[in-house]
C-alpha atoms as a PDB file:
ATOM      1  CA  MET A   1      -1.907   6.313   6.136  1.00  0.00           C
ATOM      2  CA  ILE A   2      -0.425   7.625   2.899  1.00  0.00           C
ATOM      3  CA  ALA A   3      -0.612  11.178   1.568  1.00  0.00           C
ATOM      4  CA  VAL A   4      -2.128  11.728  -1.880  1.00  0.00           C
ATOM      5  CA  THR A   5      -3.262  14.809  -3.801  1.00  0.00           C
ATOM      6  CA  ARG A   6      -6.685  15.457  -5.298  1.00  0.00           C
ATOM      7  CA  LEU A   7      -6.846  16.892  -8.821  1.00  0.00           C
ATOM      8  CA  ASN A   8      -7.686  20.305  -7.286  1.00  0.00           C
ATOM      9  CA  GLY A   9      -4.327  20.262  -5.464  1.00  0.00           C
ATOM     10  CA  SER A  10      -5.554  19.545  -1.937  1.00  0.00           C
ATOM     11  CA  GLN A  11      -3.724  16.837  -0.036  1.00  0.00           C
ATOM     12  CA  PHE A  12      -5.482  14.109   1.951  1.00  0.00           C
ATOM     13  CA  TYR A  13      -4.607  10.776   3.544  1.00  0.00           C
ATOM     14  CA  ILE A  14      -5.821   7.275   2.739  1.00  0.00           C
ATOM     15  CA  ASN A  15      -5.563   4.220   4.960  1.00  0.00           C
ATOM     16  CA  ALA A  16      -3.115   2.075   2.956  1.00  0.00           C
ATOM     17  CA  LEU A  17      -4.501  -1.116   4.516  1.00  0.00           C
ATOM     18  CA  LEU A  18      -7.881  -0.463   2.875  1.00  0.00           C
ATOM     19  CA  ILE A  19      -6.576  -0.025  -0.692  1.00  0.00           C
ATOM     20  CA  GLU A  20      -7.800  -2.765  -2.998  1.00  0.00           C
ATOM     21  CA  THR A  21      -6.558  -1.519  -6.384  1.00  0.00           C
ATOM     22  CA  VAL A  22      -4.443   1.256  -7.895  1.00  0.00           C
ATOM     23  CA  GLU A  23      -5.070   1.891 -11.598  1.00  0.00           C
ATOM     24  CA  GLN A  24      -3.458   4.215 -14.147  1.00  0.00           C
ATOM     25  CA  THR A  25      -6.355   5.081 -16.523  1.00  0.00           C
ATOM     26  CA  PRO A  26      -4.610   7.634 -17.500  1.00  0.00           C
ATOM     27  CA  ASP A  27      -5.328   9.355 -14.166  1.00  0.00           C
ATOM     28  CA  THR A  28      -4.480   7.320 -11.091  1.00  0.00           C
ATOM     29  CA  MET A  29      -7.581   5.821  -9.513  1.00  0.00           C
ATOM     30  CA  ILE A  30      -7.401   4.279  -6.038  1.00  0.00           C
ATOM     31  CA  THR A  31     -10.223   1.915  -5.066  1.00  0.00           C
ATOM     32  CA  LEU A  32     -10.745   1.034  -1.421  1.00  0.00           C
ATOM     33  CA  THR A  33     -12.176  -2.228  -0.111  1.00  0.00           C
ATOM     34  CA  SER A  34     -15.401  -0.300   0.618  1.00  0.00           C
ATOM     35  CA  GLY A  35     -15.767   0.430  -3.115  1.00  0.00           C
ATOM     36  CA  LYS A  36     -15.002   4.150  -2.671  1.00  0.00           C
ATOM     37  CA  LYS A  37     -12.833   5.511  -5.496  1.00  0.00           C
ATOM     38  CA  TYR A  38     -10.404   8.423  -5.515  1.00  0.00           C
ATOM     39  CA  ILE A  39      -8.634  10.015  -8.478  1.00  0.00           C
ATOM     40  CA  VAL A  40      -5.269  11.456  -7.467  1.00  0.00           C
ATOM     41  CA  MET A  41      -2.434  13.414  -9.094  1.00  0.00           C
ATOM     42  CA  GLU A  42       0.347  10.970  -8.133  1.00  0.00           C
ATOM     43  CA  ASN A  43       1.141   8.272 -10.664  1.00  0.00           C
ATOM     44  CA  SER A  44       0.458   4.653  -9.752  1.00  0.00           C
ATOM     45  CA  SER A  45       4.154   3.885  -9.157  1.00  0.00           C
ATOM     46  CA  ASP A  46       4.378   6.676  -6.574  1.00  0.00           C
ATOM     47  CA  VAL A  47       1.231   5.461  -4.803  1.00  0.00           C
ATOM     48  CA  ILE A  48       2.536   1.888  -4.698  1.00  0.00           C
ATOM     49  CA  ARG A  49       5.900   3.132  -3.413  1.00  0.00           C
ATOM     50  CA  SER A  50       4.085   5.020  -0.633  1.00  0.00           C
ATOM     51  CA  ILE A  51       2.081   1.905   0.258  1.00  0.00           C
ATOM     52  CA  ARG A  52       5.257  -0.204   0.466  1.00  0.00           C
ATOM     53  CA  HIS A  53       6.991   2.442   2.594  1.00  0.00           C
ATOM     54  CA  TYR A  54       4.012   2.525   4.956  1.00  0.00           C
ATOM     55  CA  LEU A  55       3.861  -1.274   5.212  1.00  0.00           C
ATOM     56  CA  ARG A  56       7.592  -1.377   5.995  1.00  0.00           C
ATOM     57  CA  SER A  57       7.141   1.301   8.652  1.00  0.00           C
ATOM     58  CA  ILE A  58       4.593  -0.824  10.504  1.00  0.00           C
ATOM     59  CA  GLY A  59       6.606  -4.036  10.065  1.00  0.00           C
ATOM     60  CA  VAL A  60       4.287  -5.814   7.627  1.00  0.00           C
ATOM     61  CA  MET A  61       6.790  -6.083   4.752  1.00  0.00           C
ATOM     62  CA  ALA A  62       9.538  -7.339   7.074  1.00  0.00           C
ATOM     63  CA  ALA A  63       7.255 -10.088   8.364  1.00  0.00           C
ATOM     64  CA  LEU A  64       6.388 -11.167   4.803  1.00  0.00           C
ATOM     65  CA  ALA A  65       9.987 -11.020   3.560  1.00  0.00           C
ATOM     66  CA  SER A  66      11.767 -12.752   6.443  1.00  0.00           C
ATOM     67  CA  PRO A  67      12.611 -16.445   6.005  1.00  0.00           C
ATOM     68  CA  PRO A  68      10.864 -18.972   8.229  1.00  0.00           C
ATOM     69  CA  ASP A  69      12.538 -19.844  11.510  1.00  0.00           C
ATOM     70  CA  ALA A  70      15.042 -22.627  10.790  1.00  0.00           C
ATOM     71  CA  HIS A  71      14.457 -24.147  14.223  1.00  0.00           C
ATOM     72  CA  SER A  72      10.785 -24.748  13.544  1.00  0.00           C
ATOM     73  CA  GLU A  73      11.279 -26.423  10.158  1.00  0.00           C
ATOM     74  CA  GLY A  74      11.744 -30.150  10.319  1.00  0.00           C
ATOM     75  CA  ALA A  75      13.551 -30.017  13.630  1.00  0.00           C
ATOM     76  CA  SER A  76      13.144 -33.150  15.649  1.00  0.00           C
ATOM     77  CA  SER A  77      14.286 -33.818  19.186  1.00  0.00           C
END
């Protein structure tokens, strides 16, 4: 989950795995895979940074960034 702030100043949390798009229009609008939309005070760069931090914290970014296992590529016995 990532913390974001409504335009009225109240903070809430969004499941980062359900975010489909983040738009700067000029307010930041987050659209979830369900179609639900939220307008938040944070700029789009901050939201994306929070998403990346969350994904790293659960090991998703590390799994995507790590090179394939050299032993499984073209190795023949």
